[in-house]
Amino acid sequence: MVSAGLCGHGRGVTEFLIDLEAGHDRAELGKTLAVLGLSLAATDPIPRGSGHDPARRDYAATFTRLIAERDFEFAIKMLAGYATASLTAGAPLLQRSPRPKDPHWSAALAGITNYTAHRLGQPAPSWTRRIKPLDAAWMPAESYRSIRTPMKELTRAETPPELAALNVFIRERSLATA
């Protein structure tokens, strides 16, 4: 049984939860957690190591694994993470070809590497010049979900030219949100 003291001002749990949802200042997070028997204490250690540091992550191995596992949704998130980490590091982090077996992903990685190099005012790594444009337009998100025509049109219009040149279409704003 929850005591009235935990809920504040002698009111019941229902009234307290209504106040909490409404954002009233007397509905405190600490009291809410106590009522629910929860704590904000971390139970797992913070991960450490190169796999968790975007600037030191082995993106070639990461993409190879994700594509082999067909985890396309996370691979797309990692594309954005790779772009962000490269821009933050001041250089494209894939200086050698990652060599994924799928030409679509090779083109996407080459396009993003060219994009980051261009944004940083640097030449792109030489491996990106060996990647040929795809025969047909490709949106990585279609690897795991359908995309409606208006979104396809918006994506094509907002894709950086370095990706569009390889027939890969990802909105630039999607590359900035890892």
C-alpha atoms as a PDB file:
ATOM      1  CA  MET A   1       0.000   0.000   0.000  1.00  0.00           C
ATOM      2  CA  VAL A   2       1.363   3.461  -0.895  1.00  0.00           C
ATOM      3  CA  SER A   3       1.281   5.931   1.936  1.00  0.00           C
ATOM      4  CA  ALA A   4      -0.454   9.289   1.519  1.00  0.00           C
ATOM      5  CA  GLY A   5       2.784  10.984   2.571  1.00  0.00           C
ATOM      6  CA  LEU A   6       4.568   9.773  -0.542  1.00  0.00           C
ATOM      7  CA  CYS A   7       1.868  11.207  -2.760  1.00  0.00           C
ATOM      8  CA  GLY A   8       2.035  14.623  -1.157  1.00  0.00           C
ATOM      9  CA  HIS A   9      -0.499  16.638   0.795  1.00  0.00           C
ATOM     10  CA  GLY A  10      -2.441  13.564   1.965  1.00  0.00           C
ATOM     11  CA  ARG A  11      -3.822  12.833  -1.500  1.00  0.00           C
ATOM     12  CA  GLY A  12      -4.269   9.395  -3.036  1.00  0.00           C
ATOM     13  CA  VAL A  13      -2.145   7.667  -5.633  1.00  0.00           C
ATOM     14  CA  THR A  14      -4.634   8.340  -8.446  1.00  0.00           C
ATOM     15  CA  GLU A  15      -4.659  12.076  -7.760  1.00  0.00           C
ATOM     16  CA  PHE A  16      -0.873  12.067  -7.520  1.00  0.00           C
ATOM     17  CA  LEU A  17      -0.512  10.345 -10.898  1.00  0.00           C
ATOM     18  CA  ILE A  18      -2.958  12.801 -12.455  1.00  0.00           C
ATOM     19  CA  ASP A  19      -0.875  15.674 -11.055  1.00  0.00           C
ATOM     20  CA  LEU A  20       2.318  14.042 -12.327  1.00  0.00           C
ATOM     21  CA  GLU A  21       0.967  13.662 -15.842  1.00  0.00           C
ATOM     22  CA  ALA A  22      -0.357  17.229 -15.763  1.00  0.00           C
ATOM     23  CA  GLY A  23       3.098  18.498 -14.796  1.00  0.00           C
ATOM     24  CA  HIS A  24       2.250  19.948 -11.395  1.00  0.00           C
ATOM     25  CA  ASP A  25       5.295  20.979  -9.393  1.00  0.00           C
ATOM     26  CA  ARG A  26       4.204  19.074  -6.269  1.00  0.00           C
ATOM     27  CA  ALA A  27       4.434  15.792  -8.214  1.00  0.00           C
ATOM     28  CA  GLU A  28       8.144  15.106  -7.798  1.00  0.00           C
ATOM     29  CA  LEU A  29      10.197  12.575  -9.752  1.00  0.00           C
ATOM     30  CA  GLY A  30      11.854  11.203  -6.603  1.00  0.00           C
ATOM     31  CA  LYS A  31       8.490  10.481  -5.004  1.00  0.00           C
ATOM     32  CA  THR A  32       7.233   8.925  -8.225  1.00  0.00           C
ATOM     33  CA  LEU A  33      10.211   6.599  -8.400  1.00  0.00           C
ATOM     34  CA  ALA A  34       9.768   5.648  -4.735  1.00  0.00           C
ATOM     35  CA  VAL A  35       6.083   4.868  -5.322  1.00  0.00           C
ATOM     36  CA  LEU A  36       7.005   2.662  -8.268  1.00  0.00           C
ATOM     37  CA  GLY A  37       9.930   1.063  -6.438  1.00  0.00           C
ATOM     38  CA  LEU A  38      12.416   2.329  -9.047  1.00  0.00           C
ATOM     39  CA  SER A  39      15.809   4.018  -8.889  1.00  0.00           C
ATOM     40  CA  LEU A  40      17.892   6.142 -11.251  1.00  0.00           C
ATOM     41  CA  ALA A  41      21.123   4.436 -10.178  1.00  0.00           C
ATOM     42  CA  ALA A  42      23.111   3.000 -13.087  1.00  0.00           C
ATOM     43  CA  THR A  43      23.195  -0.772 -12.970  1.00  0.00           C
ATOM     44  CA  ASP A  44      25.439  -1.406 -15.974  1.00  0.00           C
ATOM     45  CA  PRO A  45      28.914   0.047 -16.360  1.00  0.00           C
ATOM     46  CA  ILE A  46      29.388   2.679 -19.059  1.00  0.00           C
ATOM     47  CA  PRO A  47      30.817   0.890 -22.121  1.00  0.00           C
ATOM     48  CA  ARG A  48      34.421   1.663 -22.940  1.00  0.00           C
ATOM     49  CA  GLY A  49      36.729   0.811 -25.822  1.00  0.00           C
ATOM     50  CA  SER A  50      37.118   1.568 -29.500  1.00  0.00           C
ATOM     51  CA  GLY A  51      33.783  -0.064 -30.398  1.00  0.00           C
ATOM     52  CA  HIS A  52      31.969   2.586 -28.375  1.00  0.00           C
ATOM     53  CA  ASP A  53      34.088   5.598 -29.383  1.00  0.00           C
ATOM     54  CA  PRO A  54      32.770   6.907 -32.735  1.00  0.00           C
ATOM     55  CA  ALA A  55      36.182   8.304 -33.703  1.00  0.00           C
ATOM     56  CA  ARG A  56      37.925   4.954 -33.063  1.00  0.00           C
ATOM     57  CA  ARG A  57      35.211   2.545 -34.218  1.00  0.00           C
ATOM     58  CA  ASP A  58      36.172   0.119 -36.975  1.00  0.00           C
ATOM     59  CA  TYR A  59      33.490   1.208 -39.428  1.00  0.00           C
ATOM     60  CA  ALA A  60      34.612  -1.254 -42.117  1.00  0.00           C
ATOM     61  CA  ALA A  61      34.108  -4.210 -39.767  1.00  0.00           C
ATOM     62  CA  THR A  62      30.902  -2.723 -38.362  1.00  0.00           C
ATOM     63  CA  PHE A  63      29.302  -2.291 -41.796  1.00  0.00           C
ATOM     64  CA  THR A  64      30.493  -5.699 -42.990  1.00  0.00           C
ATOM     65  CA  ARG A  65      28.904  -7.341 -39.929  1.00  0.00           C
ATOM     66  CA  LEU A  66      25.630  -5.380 -40.095  1.00  0.00           C
ATOM     67  CA  ILE A  67      25.141  -6.051 -43.796  1.00  0.00           C
ATOM     68  CA  ALA A  68      25.967  -9.760 -43.395  1.00  0.00           C
ATOM     69  CA  GLU A  69      23.426  -9.927 -40.552  1.00  0.00           C
ATOM     70  CA  ARG A  70      20.912  -8.021 -42.714  1.00  0.00           C
ATOM     71  CA  ASP A  71      20.479  -5.452 -39.946  1.00  0.00           C
ATOM     72  CA  PHE A  72      19.803  -2.709 -42.464  1.00  0.00           C
ATOM     73  CA  GLU A  73      17.993  -0.398 -40.065  1.00  0.00           C
ATOM     74  CA  PHE A  74      21.015  -0.200 -37.770  1.00  0.00           C
ATOM     75  CA  ALA A  75      23.392  -0.037 -40.758  1.00  0.00           C
ATOM     76  CA  ILE A  76      21.577   3.111 -41.899  1.00  0.00           C
ATOM     77  CA  LYS A  77      21.918   4.619 -38.427  1.00  0.00           C
ATOM     78  CA  MET A  78      25.625   3.780 -38.595  1.00  0.00           C
ATOM     79  CA  LEU A  79      25.879   5.616 -41.941  1.00  0.00           C
ATOM     80  CA  ALA A  80      24.775   8.750 -40.126  1.00  0.00           C
ATOM     81  CA  GLY A  81      27.097   7.943 -37.223  1.00  0.00           C
ATOM     82  CA  TYR A  82      29.990   7.495 -39.639  1.00  0.00           C
ATOM     83  CA  ALA A  83      29.276  10.846 -41.311  1.00  0.00           C
ATOM     84  CA  THR A  84      29.006  12.648 -37.969  1.00  0.00           C
ATOM     85  CA  ALA A  85      32.124  11.004 -36.527  1.00  0.00           C
ATOM     86  CA  SER A  86      34.118  11.799 -39.680  1.00  0.00           C
ATOM     87  CA  LEU A  87      33.059  15.454 -39.626  1.00  0.00           C
ATOM     88  CA  THR A  88      33.880  15.671 -35.910  1.00  0.00           C
ATOM     89  CA  ALA A  89      37.277  13.992 -36.423  1.00  0.00           C
ATOM     90  CA  GLY A  90      38.112  16.378 -39.273  1.00  0.00           C
ATOM     91  CA  ALA A  91      38.699  13.615 -41.835  1.00  0.00           C
ATOM     92  CA  PRO A  92      36.799  10.706 -43.384  1.00  0.00           C
ATOM     93  CA  LEU A  93      37.339   7.766 -41.032  1.00  0.00           C
ATOM     94  CA  LEU A  94      37.297   5.178 -43.835  1.00  0.00           C
ATOM     95  CA  GLN A  95      40.643   5.831 -45.486  1.00  0.00           C
ATOM     96  CA  ARG A  96      40.647   2.306 -46.982  1.00  0.00           C
ATOM     97  CA  SER A  97      37.799   0.585 -48.777  1.00  0.00           C
ATOM     98  CA  PRO A  98      35.477  -1.257 -46.394  1.00  0.00           C
ATOM     99  CA  ARG A  99      34.716  -3.759 -49.217  1.00  0.00           C
ATOM    100  CA  PRO A 100      31.165  -4.750 -48.344  1.00  0.00           C
ATOM    101  CA  LYS A 101      29.941  -7.491 -50.674  1.00  0.00           C
ATOM    102  CA  ASP A 102      26.864  -5.510 -51.700  1.00  0.00           C
ATOM    103  CA  PRO A 103      27.524  -2.795 -54.335  1.00  0.00           C
ATOM    104  CA  HIS A 104      24.686  -0.699 -52.905  1.00  0.00           C
ATOM    105  CA  TRP A 105      26.430  -0.359 -49.563  1.00  0.00           C
ATOM    106  CA  SER A 106      29.809   0.219 -51.246  1.00  0.00           C
ATOM    107  CA  ALA A 107      28.255   3.115 -53.152  1.00  0.00           C
ATOM    108  CA  ALA A 108      26.607   4.494 -50.001  1.00  0.00           C
ATOM    109  CA  LEU A 109      29.862   4.389 -48.036  1.00  0.00           C
ATOM    110  CA  ALA A 110      31.841   5.915 -50.909  1.00  0.00           C
ATOM    111  CA  GLY A 111      29.232   8.655 -51.308  1.00  0.00           C
ATOM    112  CA  ILE A 112      29.254   9.523 -47.610  1.00  0.00           C
ATOM    113  CA  THR A 113      33.058   9.441 -47.556  1.00  0.00           C
ATOM    114  CA  ASN A 114      33.118  11.830 -50.545  1.00  0.00           C
ATOM    115  CA  TYR A 115      30.509  14.007 -48.837  1.00  0.00           C
ATOM    116  CA  THR A 116      32.496  14.307 -45.608  1.00  0.00           C
ATOM    117  CA  ALA A 117      35.757  14.956 -47.463  1.00  0.00           C
ATOM    118  CA  HIS A 118      34.074  17.708 -49.508  1.00  0.00           C
ATOM    119  CA  ARG A 119      32.520  19.287 -46.393  1.00  0.00           C
ATOM    120  CA  LEU A 120      35.965  19.300 -44.769  1.00  0.00           C
ATOM    121  CA  GLY A 121      37.677  20.753 -47.857  1.00  0.00           C
ATOM    122  CA  GLN A 122      39.823  17.645 -48.338  1.00  0.00           C
ATOM    123  CA  PRO A 123      40.390  15.235 -51.199  1.00  0.00           C
ATOM    124  CA  ALA A 124      38.399  12.019 -50.892  1.00  0.00           C
ATOM    125  CA  PRO A 125      40.335   8.814 -50.223  1.00  0.00           C
ATOM    126  CA  SER A 126      41.407   7.140 -53.474  1.00  0.00           C
ATOM    127  CA  TRP A 127      39.279   4.016 -52.931  1.00  0.00           C
ATOM    128  CA  THR A 128      36.106   6.056 -53.461  1.00  0.00           C
ATOM    129  CA  ARG A 129      37.054   6.708 -57.100  1.00  0.00           C
ATOM    130  CA  ARG A 130      36.922   2.954 -57.852  1.00  0.00           C
ATOM    131  CA  ILE A 131      33.255   2.732 -56.832  1.00  0.00           C
ATOM    132  CA  LYS A 132      30.897   2.901 -59.801  1.00  0.00           C
ATOM    133  CA  PRO A 133      27.452   4.539 -59.693  1.00  0.00           C
ATOM    134  CA  LEU A 134      24.579   2.132 -59.208  1.00  0.00           C
ATOM    135  CA  ASP A 135      22.536   1.232 -62.279  1.00  0.00           C
ATOM    136  CA  ALA A 136      19.298   2.333 -60.597  1.00  0.00           C
ATOM    137  CA  ALA A 137      18.453   4.849 -57.895  1.00  0.00           C
ATOM    138  CA  TRP A 138      18.660   3.346 -54.391  1.00  0.00           C
ATOM    139  CA  MET A 139      17.454   4.571 -51.032  1.00  0.00           C
ATOM    140  CA  PRO A 140      19.020   2.571 -48.190  1.00  0.00           C
ATOM    141  CA  ALA A 141      15.882   2.940 -46.067  1.00  0.00           C
ATOM    142  CA  GLU A 142      14.016   0.810 -48.630  1.00  0.00           C
ATOM    143  CA  SER A 143      16.168  -2.103 -47.440  1.00  0.00           C
ATOM    144  CA  TYR A 144      13.815  -2.546 -44.503  1.00  0.00           C
ATOM    145  CA  ARG A 145      10.648  -0.473 -45.107  1.00  0.00           C
ATOM    146  CA  SER A 146       8.565   1.017 -47.896  1.00  0.00           C
ATOM    147  CA  ILE A 147       8.816   4.708 -48.692  1.00  0.00           C
ATOM    148  CA  ARG A 148       5.947   6.703 -50.154  1.00  0.00           C
ATOM    149  CA  THR A 149       6.381   8.799 -53.285  1.00  0.00           C
ATOM    150  CA  PRO A 150       6.342  12.243 -51.575  1.00  0.00           C
ATOM    151  CA  MET A 151       9.135  11.150 -49.236  1.00  0.00           C
ATOM    152  CA  LYS A 152      11.122   9.700 -52.139  1.00  0.00           C
ATOM    153  CA  GLU A 153      10.853  13.021 -53.960  1.00  0.00           C
ATOM    154  CA  LEU A 154      11.946  14.953 -50.864  1.00  0.00           C
ATOM    155  CA  THR A 155      14.850  12.558 -50.319  1.00  0.00           C
ATOM    156  CA  ARG A 156      16.043  12.931 -53.917  1.00  0.00           C
ATOM    157  CA  ALA A 157      15.818  16.725 -53.666  1.00  0.00           C
ATOM    158  CA  GLU A 158      17.756  16.857 -50.372  1.00  0.00           C
ATOM    159  CA  THR A 159      20.487  14.313 -51.126  1.00  0.00           C
ATOM    160  CA  PRO A 160      24.041  15.713 -51.235  1.00  0.00           C
ATOM    161  CA  PRO A 161      25.507  15.650 -54.755  1.00  0.00           C
ATOM    162  CA  GLU A 162      28.312  13.285 -53.683  1.00  0.00           C
ATOM    163  CA  LEU A 163      25.729  10.588 -52.942  1.00  0.00           C
ATOM    164  CA  ALA A 164      23.441  11.394 -55.867  1.00  0.00           C
ATOM    165  CA  ALA A 165      26.431  11.005 -58.228  1.00  0.00           C
ATOM    166  CA  LEU A 166      26.562   7.343 -57.163  1.00  0.00           C
ATOM    167  CA  ASN A 167      22.767   6.969 -57.468  1.00  0.00           C
ATOM    168  CA  VAL A 168      22.360   6.685 -53.675  1.00  0.00           C
ATOM    169  CA  PHE A 169      19.722   8.868 -52.044  1.00  0.00           C
ATOM    170  CA  ILE A 170      19.810   9.884 -48.374  1.00  0.00           C
ATOM    171  CA  ARG A 171      18.620  13.230 -47.084  1.00  0.00           C
ATOM    172  CA  GLU A 172      21.483  15.412 -45.872  1.00  0.00           C
ATOM    173  CA  ARG A 173      19.673  16.066 -42.589  1.00  0.00           C
ATOM    174  CA  SER A 174      19.577  12.298 -41.992  1.00  0.00           C
ATOM    175  CA  LEU A 175      23.367  12.264 -42.146  1.00  0.00           C
ATOM    176  CA  ALA A 176      23.554  14.873 -39.400  1.00  0.00           C
ATOM    177  CA  THR A 177      21.397  12.920 -36.948  1.00  0.00           C
ATOM    178  CA  ALA A 178      23.325   9.933 -35.678  1.00  0.00           C
END
